[in-house]
Amino acid sequence: MQFEHNGLGRKKTYWNIPFCTFEYEKLKVFKKNKFTNYIVLILANKSFTNTWIAVLDYEKCLNCLSNTTQQGNRGIRVTRIGSERIFYYTGVGKSEKEPEKCLFDYITYFEKSENKSI
């Protein structure tokens, strides 16, 4: 977990989460076509006294992981601005100006999703 200010006086907290090619390939075969698929990341501060849950859309997450750095690394950056409950994420080579938005109120969403399985 790292901090920086976004120029508006609000603290931007972010986590850089690396993925190796093996993990990426495992995620690609994990998809179950009959179900709605998500990737869930558990985020924590350095002392593990606070944790957050980021629920990512499966297809958008794999899209973020599709590019690699020149060294062959993959990764996702999950960002939270101020004390907002919303998390955003982006991958290697993707614009941080147009990040993907994590599922906002995932607890309410999953409770109301009657015909969806995870």
Protein backbone atom coordinates (compact mmCIF):
# COMPACT_ATOMS: atom_id res chain seq x y z
CA MET A 1 0.00 0.00 0.00
CA GLN A 2 1.38 3.38 -1.00
CA PHE A 3 0.13 6.94 -0.71
CA GLU A 4 0.24 10.06 -2.84
CA HIS A 5 -1.93 13.15 -3.21
CA ASN A 6 -4.05 13.60 -6.32
CA GLY A 7 -3.57 17.36 -6.53
CA LEU A 8 -6.96 18.09 -4.98
CA GLY A 9 -5.77 17.62 -1.41
CA ARG A 10 -7.22 14.10 -1.22
CA LYS A 11 -4.99 11.18 -0.39
CA LYS A 12 -4.77 8.51 -3.07
CA THR A 13 -4.07 5.04 -1.73
CA TYR A 14 -2.97 2.35 -4.14
CA TRP A 15 -1.81 -1.24 -4.23
CA ASN A 16 0.38 -2.66 -7.01
CA ILE A 17 -0.45 -6.34 -7.35
CA PRO A 18 1.93 -8.39 -9.51
CA PHE A 19 0.80 -11.44 -11.47
CA CYS A 20 3.14 -13.89 -13.13
CA THR A 21 2.28 -15.54 -16.45
CA PHE A 22 1.46 -18.80 -14.67
CA GLU A 23 -1.15 -17.06 -12.49
CA TYR A 24 -2.60 -15.24 -15.50
CA GLU A 25 -2.93 -18.51 -17.44
CA LYS A 26 -4.64 -20.15 -14.42
CA LEU A 27 -7.14 -17.26 -14.25
CA LYS A 28 -7.94 -17.67 -17.95
CA VAL A 29 -9.05 -21.29 -17.50
CA PHE A 30 -10.89 -20.57 -14.27
CA LYS A 31 -13.93 -19.05 -16.02
CA LYS A 32 -17.19 -20.98 -15.71
CA ASN A 33 -19.53 -20.11 -18.58
CA LYS A 34 -22.75 -20.90 -16.70
CA PHE A 35 -21.91 -18.42 -13.94
CA THR A 36 -21.10 -14.77 -13.42
CA ASN A 37 -17.37 -14.64 -12.72
CA TYR A 38 -15.47 -12.19 -10.50
CA ILE A 39 -11.96 -11.82 -9.18
CA VAL A 40 -11.73 -10.74 -5.56
CA LEU A 41 -8.65 -9.10 -4.09
CA ILE A 42 -8.11 -8.65 -0.37
CA LEU A 43 -6.17 -5.42 0.20
CA ALA A 44 -4.45 -4.48 3.46
CA ASN A 45 -2.25 -1.82 4.95
CA LYS A 46 1.38 -2.63 5.79
CA SER A 47 0.59 -3.65 9.38
CA PHE A 48 -2.50 -5.67 8.36
CA THR A 49 -4.69 -3.72 10.80
CA ASN A 50 -7.11 -2.62 8.04
CA THR A 51 -8.36 -4.69 5.16
CA TRP A 52 -10.57 -3.95 2.16
CA ILE A 53 -12.22 -6.13 -0.45
CA ALA A 54 -12.06 -5.21 -4.13
CA VAL A 55 -14.41 -7.14 -6.42
CA LEU A 56 -13.28 -6.99 -10.06
CA ASP A 57 -15.20 -7.96 -13.16
CA TYR A 58 -13.56 -11.12 -14.53
CA GLU A 59 -13.34 -10.07 -18.20
CA LYS A 60 -12.16 -6.52 -17.43
CA CYS A 61 -9.57 -7.84 -15.00
CA LEU A 62 -8.14 -10.26 -17.57
CA ASN A 63 -8.05 -7.39 -20.06
CA CYS A 64 -6.01 -5.36 -17.57
CA LEU A 65 -3.63 -8.30 -17.17
CA SER A 66 -3.29 -8.97 -20.90
CA ASN A 67 -0.33 -6.61 -21.43
CA THR A 68 3.14 -7.11 -20.01
CA THR A 69 6.04 -4.83 -19.24
CA GLN A 70 9.25 -5.07 -21.31
CA GLN A 71 10.52 -7.51 -18.66
CA GLY A 72 7.42 -9.72 -19.10
CA ASN A 73 5.68 -8.76 -15.85
CA ARG A 74 1.93 -8.30 -15.43
CA GLY A 75 0.09 -6.41 -12.76
CA ILE A 76 -2.93 -4.52 -11.57
CA ARG A 77 -2.96 -1.23 -9.69
CA VAL A 78 -5.98 -0.84 -7.40
CA THR A 79 -6.61 2.75 -6.30
CA ARG A 80 -8.82 4.40 -3.70
CA ILE A 81 -9.15 8.18 -3.40
CA GLY A 82 -9.72 9.69 0.03
CA SER A 83 -12.14 7.67 2.14
CA GLU A 84 -14.41 6.75 -0.76
CA ARG A 85 -15.73 3.21 -0.80
CA ILE A 86 -15.10 2.93 -4.53
CA PHE A 87 -11.93 1.30 -5.86
CA TYR A 88 -10.57 1.67 -9.38
CA TYR A 89 -8.10 -0.56 -11.19
CA THR A 90 -5.89 -0.50 -14.22
CA GLY A 91 -3.20 -2.71 -15.76
CA VAL A 92 0.10 -2.44 -17.59
CA GLY A 93 -0.20 -0.11 -20.56
CA LYS A 94 -3.74 0.96 -19.65
CA SER A 95 -4.60 4.61 -19.06
CA GLU A 96 -4.88 5.66 -15.43
CA LYS A 97 -7.16 8.46 -16.62
CA GLU A 98 -9.85 5.91 -17.55
CA PRO A 99 -9.58 3.11 -15.00
CA GLU A 100 -12.09 0.32 -14.52
CA LYS A 101 -14.41 0.68 -11.54
CA CYS A 102 -14.70 -2.11 -8.98
CA LEU A 103 -18.14 -3.34 -8.03
CA PHE A 104 -19.33 -0.70 -5.56
CA ASP A 105 -21.65 -2.21 -2.96
CA TYR A 106 -20.85 -5.87 -3.49
CA ILE A 107 -22.65 -7.11 -0.37
CA THR A 108 -25.98 -5.59 -1.45
CA TYR A 109 -25.33 -6.66 -5.04
CA PHE A 110 -24.80 -10.31 -4.18
CA GLU A 111 -27.79 -10.39 -1.80
CA LYS A 112 -30.09 -9.10 -4.57
CA SER A 113 -28.71 -11.35 -7.29
CA GLU A 114 -31.21 -14.17 -7.12
CA ASN A 115 -30.34 -16.09 -10.27
CA LYS A 116 -26.63 -15.52 -10.26
CA SER A 117 -24.07 -17.85 -8.78
CA ILE A 118 -20.50 -17.12 -7.96
